[in-house]
Protein backbone atom coordinates (compact mmCIF):
# COMPACT_ATOMS: atom_id res chain seq x y z
CA UNK A 1 -21.76 -29.87 -60.89
CA UNK A 2 -24.82 -29.22 -58.73
CA UNK A 3 -25.31 -26.45 -56.23
CA UNK A 4 -27.08 -27.27 -52.96
CA UNK A 5 -29.25 -24.69 -51.28
CA UNK A 6 -30.04 -25.18 -47.63
CA UNK A 7 -33.77 -25.27 -46.94
CA UNK A 8 -35.12 -22.33 -44.97
CA UNK A 9 -37.12 -23.11 -41.84
CA UNK A 10 -40.68 -23.96 -42.74
CA UNK A 11 -43.69 -25.88 -41.53
CA UNK A 12 -42.66 -28.81 -43.67
CA UNK A 13 -39.32 -30.40 -44.44
CA UNK A 14 -36.53 -28.22 -45.75
CA UNK A 15 -35.81 -28.41 -49.44
CA UNK A 16 -32.85 -28.18 -51.76
CA UNK A 17 -32.53 -26.69 -55.22
CA UNK A 18 -30.11 -28.39 -57.58
CA UNK A 19 -28.81 -27.14 -60.91
CA UNK A 20 -25.74 -27.07 -63.13
CA UNK A 21 -23.53 -24.11 -63.87
CA UNK A 22 -23.79 -22.64 -67.34
CA UNK A 23 -21.70 -24.69 -69.72
CA UNK A 24 -22.11 -28.01 -67.92
CA UNK A 25 -23.61 -30.90 -69.83
CA UNK A 26 -26.70 -31.65 -67.79
CA UNK A 27 -29.11 -29.81 -65.60
CA UNK A 28 -29.81 -31.38 -62.23
CA UNK A 29 -33.44 -31.53 -61.23
CA UNK A 30 -34.90 -30.22 -58.01
CA UNK A 31 -33.71 -32.53 -55.28
CA UNK A 32 -35.55 -33.85 -52.29
CA UNK A 33 -35.08 -31.78 -49.18
CA UNK A 34 -33.21 -32.50 -46.03
CA UNK A 35 -35.44 -32.49 -43.00
CA UNK A 36 -35.30 -29.45 -40.79
CA UNK A 37 -33.83 -30.20 -37.38
CA UNK A 38 -36.17 -30.18 -34.44
CA UNK A 39 -36.79 -27.41 -31.97
CA UNK A 40 -34.39 -27.66 -29.04
CA UNK A 41 -35.46 -28.83 -25.64
CA UNK A 42 -36.60 -26.54 -22.88
CA UNK A 43 -34.44 -25.89 -19.84
CA UNK A 44 -35.45 -26.02 -16.22
CA UNK A 45 -36.76 -22.96 -14.42
CA UNK A 46 -34.32 -20.04 -14.77
CA UNK A 47 -32.02 -22.28 -16.78
CA UNK A 48 -31.02 -22.44 -20.41
CA UNK A 49 -32.92 -24.32 -23.05
CA UNK A 50 -31.10 -27.13 -24.75
CA UNK A 51 -29.70 -26.40 -28.19
CA UNK A 52 -31.34 -28.26 -31.08
CA UNK A 53 -28.99 -30.78 -32.64
CA UNK A 54 -27.79 -31.00 -36.24
CA UNK A 55 -30.31 -33.73 -36.80
CA UNK A 56 -32.41 -34.82 -39.70
CA UNK A 57 -31.12 -33.54 -42.95
CA UNK A 58 -31.06 -35.12 -46.33
CA UNK A 59 -29.11 -33.19 -48.92
CA UNK A 60 -29.06 -29.56 -47.97
CA UNK A 61 -30.93 -30.04 -44.72
CA UNK A 62 -29.75 -27.99 -41.78
CA UNK A 63 -29.60 -28.36 -38.06
CA UNK A 64 -32.15 -28.08 -35.34
CA UNK A 65 -33.66 -25.03 -33.78
CA UNK A 66 -31.93 -23.77 -30.68
CA UNK A 67 -33.98 -24.11 -27.54
CA UNK A 68 -35.57 -21.22 -25.75
CA UNK A 69 -34.14 -19.66 -22.64
CA UNK A 70 -35.80 -22.21 -20.39
CA UNK A 71 -39.00 -21.81 -18.44
CA UNK A 72 -37.60 -18.94 -16.41
CA UNK A 73 -40.11 -17.36 -14.09
CA UNK A 74 -43.13 -18.95 -15.70
CA UNK A 75 -46.36 -17.64 -14.32
CA UNK A 76 -45.25 -14.09 -13.55
CA UNK A 77 -47.89 -11.86 -15.08
CA UNK A 78 -46.32 -8.52 -14.19
CA UNK A 79 -46.61 -5.52 -16.56
CA UNK A 80 -49.67 -4.49 -18.48
CA UNK A 81 -48.07 -5.40 -21.81
CA UNK A 82 -47.28 -3.63 -25.01
CA UNK A 83 -50.85 -2.91 -25.97
CA UNK A 84 -51.34 0.05 -23.69
CA UNK A 85 -53.08 -1.76 -20.86
CA UNK A 86 -55.44 -3.79 -23.04
CA UNK A 87 -56.08 -7.50 -22.65
CA UNK A 88 -53.11 -9.84 -23.08
CA UNK A 89 -54.12 -13.09 -24.76
CA UNK A 90 -51.59 -15.95 -24.93
CA UNK A 91 -51.39 -17.64 -28.36
CA UNK A 92 -52.11 -21.02 -26.73
CA UNK A 93 -54.41 -21.84 -23.84
CA UNK A 94 -52.50 -22.28 -20.59
CA UNK A 95 -49.88 -19.66 -21.38
CA UNK A 96 -49.28 -16.68 -19.12
CA UNK A 97 -48.22 -14.04 -21.69
CA UNK A 98 -48.20 -13.20 -25.40
CA UNK A 99 -45.13 -13.36 -27.64
CA UNK A 100 -46.45 -10.88 -30.24
CA UNK A 101 -46.95 -8.22 -29.28
CA UNK A 102 -45.04 -8.82 -26.06
CA UNK A 103 -47.26 -8.48 -23.01
CA UNK A 104 -47.97 -10.07 -19.66
CA UNK A 105 -44.45 -10.00 -18.20
CA UNK A 106 -42.67 -7.70 -15.77
CA UNK A 107 -39.87 -5.32 -16.72
CA UNK A 108 -36.64 -7.19 -17.48
CA UNK A 109 -38.55 -10.25 -18.62
CA UNK A 110 -39.62 -11.56 -22.01
CA UNK A 111 -42.52 -13.73 -23.11
CA UNK A 112 -41.25 -16.90 -24.75
CA UNK A 113 -42.57 -20.33 -25.74
CA UNK A 114 -41.64 -22.71 -22.91
CA UNK A 115 -43.08 -26.05 -24.09
CA UNK A 116 -43.56 -27.92 -27.35
CA UNK A 117 -47.29 -27.51 -26.82
CA UNK A 118 -46.80 -23.80 -27.54
CA UNK A 119 -47.47 -22.72 -23.95
CA UNK A 120 -45.85 -19.38 -23.13
CA UNK A 121 -44.22 -18.07 -19.97
CA UNK A 122 -42.08 -15.20 -18.72
CA UNK A 123 -38.29 -15.64 -18.80
CA UNK A 124 -35.38 -13.34 -18.05
CA UNK A 125 -34.76 -11.09 -21.06
CA UNK A 126 -31.49 -11.67 -22.90
CA UNK A 127 -29.16 -9.26 -24.67
CA UNK A 128 -28.56 -10.89 -28.09
CA UNK A 129 -29.76 -8.55 -30.81
CA UNK A 130 -32.13 -9.42 -33.70
CA UNK A 131 -30.72 -11.97 -36.18
CA UNK A 132 -27.48 -12.25 -34.20
CA UNK A 133 -26.17 -15.64 -33.07
CA UNK A 134 -27.76 -17.25 -30.02
CA UNK A 135 -27.39 -20.66 -28.41
CA UNK A 136 -30.40 -21.08 -26.15
CA UNK A 137 -28.19 -21.92 -23.17
CA UNK A 138 -26.16 -18.81 -22.37
CA UNK A 139 -26.78 -16.31 -25.18
CA UNK A 140 -30.45 -15.33 -24.97
CA UNK A 141 -32.49 -13.04 -27.23
CA UNK A 142 -34.01 -9.70 -26.37
CA UNK A 143 -37.76 -9.53 -25.73
CA UNK A 144 -39.86 -10.25 -28.82
CA UNK A 145 -37.35 -12.65 -30.37
CA UNK A 146 -36.84 -16.44 -30.23
CA UNK A 147 -33.63 -18.41 -30.71
CA UNK A 148 -34.40 -20.43 -33.86
CA UNK A 149 -31.75 -21.84 -36.17
CA UNK A 150 -29.11 -20.32 -33.83
CA UNK A 151 -30.35 -16.82 -34.67
CA UNK A 152 -32.67 -14.48 -32.77
CA UNK A 153 -35.78 -14.18 -34.92
CA UNK A 154 -38.77 -11.94 -34.38
CA UNK A 155 -42.03 -13.44 -33.18
CA UNK A 156 -44.94 -12.73 -35.54
CA UNK A 157 -48.53 -13.66 -36.30
CA UNK A 158 -48.77 -12.98 -40.03
CA UNK A 159 -46.58 -12.04 -43.01
CA UNK A 160 -47.28 -8.33 -42.68
CA UNK A 161 -45.61 -8.36 -39.25
CA UNK A 162 -42.25 -9.11 -40.89
CA UNK A 163 -39.92 -6.85 -42.85
CA UNK A 164 -39.13 -9.85 -45.06
CA UNK A 165 -42.85 -10.46 -45.62
CA UNK A 166 -42.54 -14.06 -44.42
CA UNK A 167 -43.90 -15.30 -41.07
CA UNK A 168 -43.54 -19.06 -40.61
CA UNK A 169 -44.46 -21.65 -37.99
CA UNK A 170 -41.59 -23.27 -36.07
CA UNK A 171 -41.67 -27.08 -36.13
CA UNK A 172 -40.53 -29.70 -33.63
CA UNK A 173 -38.18 -32.65 -34.26
CA UNK A 174 -41.06 -34.60 -35.79
CA UNK A 175 -41.71 -31.77 -38.28
CA UNK A 176 -44.94 -30.88 -36.50
CA UNK A 177 -45.77 -27.17 -36.06
CA UNK A 178 -45.43 -25.90 -32.50
CA UNK A 179 -48.86 -24.32 -31.88
CA UNK A 180 -48.79 -20.54 -31.94
CA UNK A 181 -45.00 -20.27 -32.35
CA UNK A 182 -44.26 -18.23 -35.44
CA UNK A 183 -41.14 -16.24 -36.36
CA UNK A 184 -40.03 -14.00 -39.23
CA UNK A 185 -37.59 -15.16 -41.85
CA UNK A 186 -34.66 -12.77 -42.06
CA UNK A 187 -34.65 -11.86 -45.75
CA UNK A 188 -30.83 -11.73 -46.05
CA UNK A 189 -28.48 -11.54 -49.05
CA UNK A 190 -26.70 -14.76 -50.02
CA UNK A 191 -23.48 -12.98 -51.00
CA UNK A 192 -23.49 -10.64 -48.01
CA UNK A 193 -25.12 -12.32 -44.98
CA UNK A 194 -23.50 -9.89 -42.56
CA UNK A 195 -25.77 -7.07 -43.69
CA UNK A 196 -28.61 -8.78 -41.79
CA UNK A 197 -27.29 -11.90 -40.05
CA UNK A 198 -24.96 -11.79 -37.07
CA UNK A 199 -21.35 -12.98 -37.00
CA UNK A 200 -20.99 -16.70 -37.66
CA UNK A 201 -24.35 -16.97 -39.43
CA UNK A 202 -24.84 -17.71 -43.11
CA UNK A 203 -27.72 -16.81 -45.41
CA UNK A 204 -29.65 -19.64 -47.05
CA UNK A 205 -32.32 -19.78 -49.76
CA UNK A 206 -35.10 -22.29 -50.29
CA UNK A 207 -36.99 -23.13 -53.49
CA UNK A 208 -40.22 -21.39 -52.67
CA UNK A 209 -41.66 -19.27 -55.46
CA UNK A 210 -40.24 -16.72 -55.08
CA UNK A 211 -37.32 -18.01 -52.98
CA UNK A 212 -37.02 -16.76 -49.39
CA UNK A 213 -33.77 -16.38 -47.44
CA UNK A 214 -32.98 -16.81 -43.77
CA UNK A 215 -30.06 -16.72 -41.33
CA UNK A 216 -28.72 -19.93 -39.79
CA UNK A 217 -25.50 -21.51 -38.54
CA UNK A 218 -22.50 -21.51 -40.90
CA UNK A 219 -19.21 -23.41 -40.92
CA UNK A 220 -15.69 -22.55 -42.10
CA UNK A 221 -15.33 -24.34 -45.45
CA UNK A 222 -14.16 -22.42 -48.53
CA UNK A 223 -12.82 -25.07 -50.88
CA UNK A 224 -12.96 -28.53 -52.41
CA UNK A 225 -14.42 -31.22 -50.18
CA UNK A 226 -15.17 -28.79 -47.35
CA UNK A 227 -18.90 -29.54 -47.20
CA UNK A 228 -18.58 -33.29 -47.68
CA UNK A 229 -20.59 -35.29 -45.18
CA UNK A 230 -22.24 -38.66 -44.71
CA UNK A 231 -24.93 -39.53 -45.65
CA UNK A 232 -25.32 -36.19 -47.48
CA UNK A 233 -23.17 -33.13 -48.20
CA UNK A 234 -24.01 -30.31 -45.79
CA UNK A 235 -24.21 -26.65 -46.86
CA UNK A 236 -23.87 -25.43 -43.27
CA UNK A 237 -20.25 -26.65 -43.27
CA UNK A 238 -19.41 -23.86 -45.73
CA UNK A 239 -18.23 -20.48 -44.49
CA UNK A 240 -20.43 -17.41 -44.35
CA UNK A 241 -21.24 -16.30 -47.90
CA UNK A 242 -20.44 -19.69 -49.48
CA UNK A 243 -22.66 -22.35 -51.01
CA UNK A 244 -22.11 -26.12 -51.38
CA UNK A 245 -21.69 -27.73 -54.82
CA UNK A 246 -21.58 -31.39 -55.80
CA UNK A 247 -18.76 -32.03 -58.32
CA UNK A 248 -20.19 -35.48 -59.06
CA UNK A 249 -24.00 -35.46 -59.47
CA UNK A 250 -24.00 -39.18 -58.72
CA UNK A 251 -22.33 -38.77 -55.31
CA UNK A 252 -24.25 -36.68 -52.80
CA UNK A 253 -21.61 -37.10 -50.09
CA UNK A 254 -18.81 -35.07 -51.74
CA UNK A 255 -19.32 -31.31 -51.63
CA UNK A 256 -17.21 -28.26 -52.51
CA UNK A 257 -17.72 -24.80 -51.02
CA UNK A 258 -17.88 -21.89 -53.48
CA UNK A 259 -18.53 -18.22 -52.87
CA UNK A 260 -22.00 -16.91 -53.71
CA UNK A 261 -22.17 -14.12 -56.29
CA UNK A 262 -24.61 -12.05 -58.30
CA UNK A 263 -24.37 -12.66 -62.03
CA UNK A 264 -23.11 -9.50 -63.75
CA UNK A 265 -21.55 -8.04 -60.58
CA UNK A 266 -17.82 -8.37 -61.28
CA UNK A 267 -16.92 -7.15 -57.80
CA UNK A 268 -18.44 -10.27 -56.21
CA UNK A 269 -15.64 -12.54 -57.50
CA UNK A 270 -11.92 -11.75 -57.29
CA UNK A 271 -9.80 -13.61 -59.85
CA UNK A 272 -12.73 -15.86 -60.76
CA UNK A 273 -15.98 -15.54 -62.71
CA UNK A 274 -19.53 -15.49 -61.39
CA UNK A 275 -21.15 -18.49 -63.05
CA UNK A 276 -24.92 -18.84 -63.02
CA UNK A 277 -27.19 -21.79 -63.79
CA UNK A 278 -28.63 -23.02 -67.07
CA UNK A 279 -31.98 -22.33 -65.46
CA UNK A 280 -31.36 -18.89 -63.91
CA UNK A 281 -32.00 -18.67 -60.19
CA UNK A 282 -33.31 -15.36 -58.87
CA UNK A 283 -33.62 -14.07 -55.31
CA UNK A 284 -35.18 -10.64 -54.79
CA UNK A 285 -34.89 -9.93 -58.51
CA UNK A 286 -31.15 -10.73 -58.70
CA UNK A 287 -29.68 -13.70 -60.58
CA UNK A 288 -27.30 -15.73 -58.43
CA UNK A 289 -24.41 -18.07 -59.16
CA UNK A 290 -21.08 -19.07 -57.61
CA UNK A 291 -17.51 -17.89 -58.19
CA UNK A 292 -15.64 -20.42 -60.36
C-alpha cells in the first residue's frame, strides 16, 4: 500500500510522497508529482473571476487556483494605504495598488492581482475570512487575501510575513510564476484541518524538507475506492482529514481514503490503529500515519 500526499502550491509542479505502512513488504519510492492546476481566469470589471479547473495533476496533483474577484474598479487610487500615508508601490509596473501591505484603494475596496502579468487593481472587498473557502465568482476574500486553491490566503512578500513561515509564488496554468503574486501557505494539521482551514477544505502536505502543509479543496470519500480516478488517483476526492492510499502499487488509478493520524496518539483512531510508514514521515515534529 502507498499513501499519496497532495502537493502544496509551489512555484514548480506539485509533488507526491509515496511510502508503505509499517509491516508491508516493500517501500514505495518518492513518486513524481501531479502538476498544480493553473490560476483561474480574471472576470470582467466588477464581475467574478473564473474558478481554476481541476486540471493538470499526475498522482497526487490537485486542482487549479480559483480566480480573483475580477478587475473590479481597476484604477481607483483612493485611500493613502496601510503605510501611514507613505508611498504605495505596486509589485508590478502598471498596477494601481499594492497587495502587501494593502494600499492605494478606497475604503471598501481591496488590492488584488487582476491579470496573469501580475498587474494589480482595486476590487470590491469580500467577506470570506482567512483560509476559509472561496470560489472567485461569488465568495470573495477580505482585503489582503487572495482566493488560491479555493481558500483565502494572505498576500506576502517573504517568509517572515507568514505565520507558517512559508511565502510562495502563485503559478499560472503553464506552471509559470505570476510576477509579484505571492501568498502564505496555511500551516495546517493533517488530522485536524478545521483548526486552520475553513469548512470543506482539507489539509495537504508536500515533500519539502521539512514538509509544509496548506489548505485546499476536499471531497467526501472515506473508504475503499473513494479516491480512484483516471489517469491517476486523486487525494482531493477524500474527505476532510483523510489521505489517499494505493492498495496496489502497480495501479495508480485505484485509491482508498483513510483517516490521517499521529503515531502514538490513540485518540486519533477509533476502533483502528494508527499505522505509520517504514520510513517515518514527520510534519511539525509529529510522526504521521493513517488509521487502518
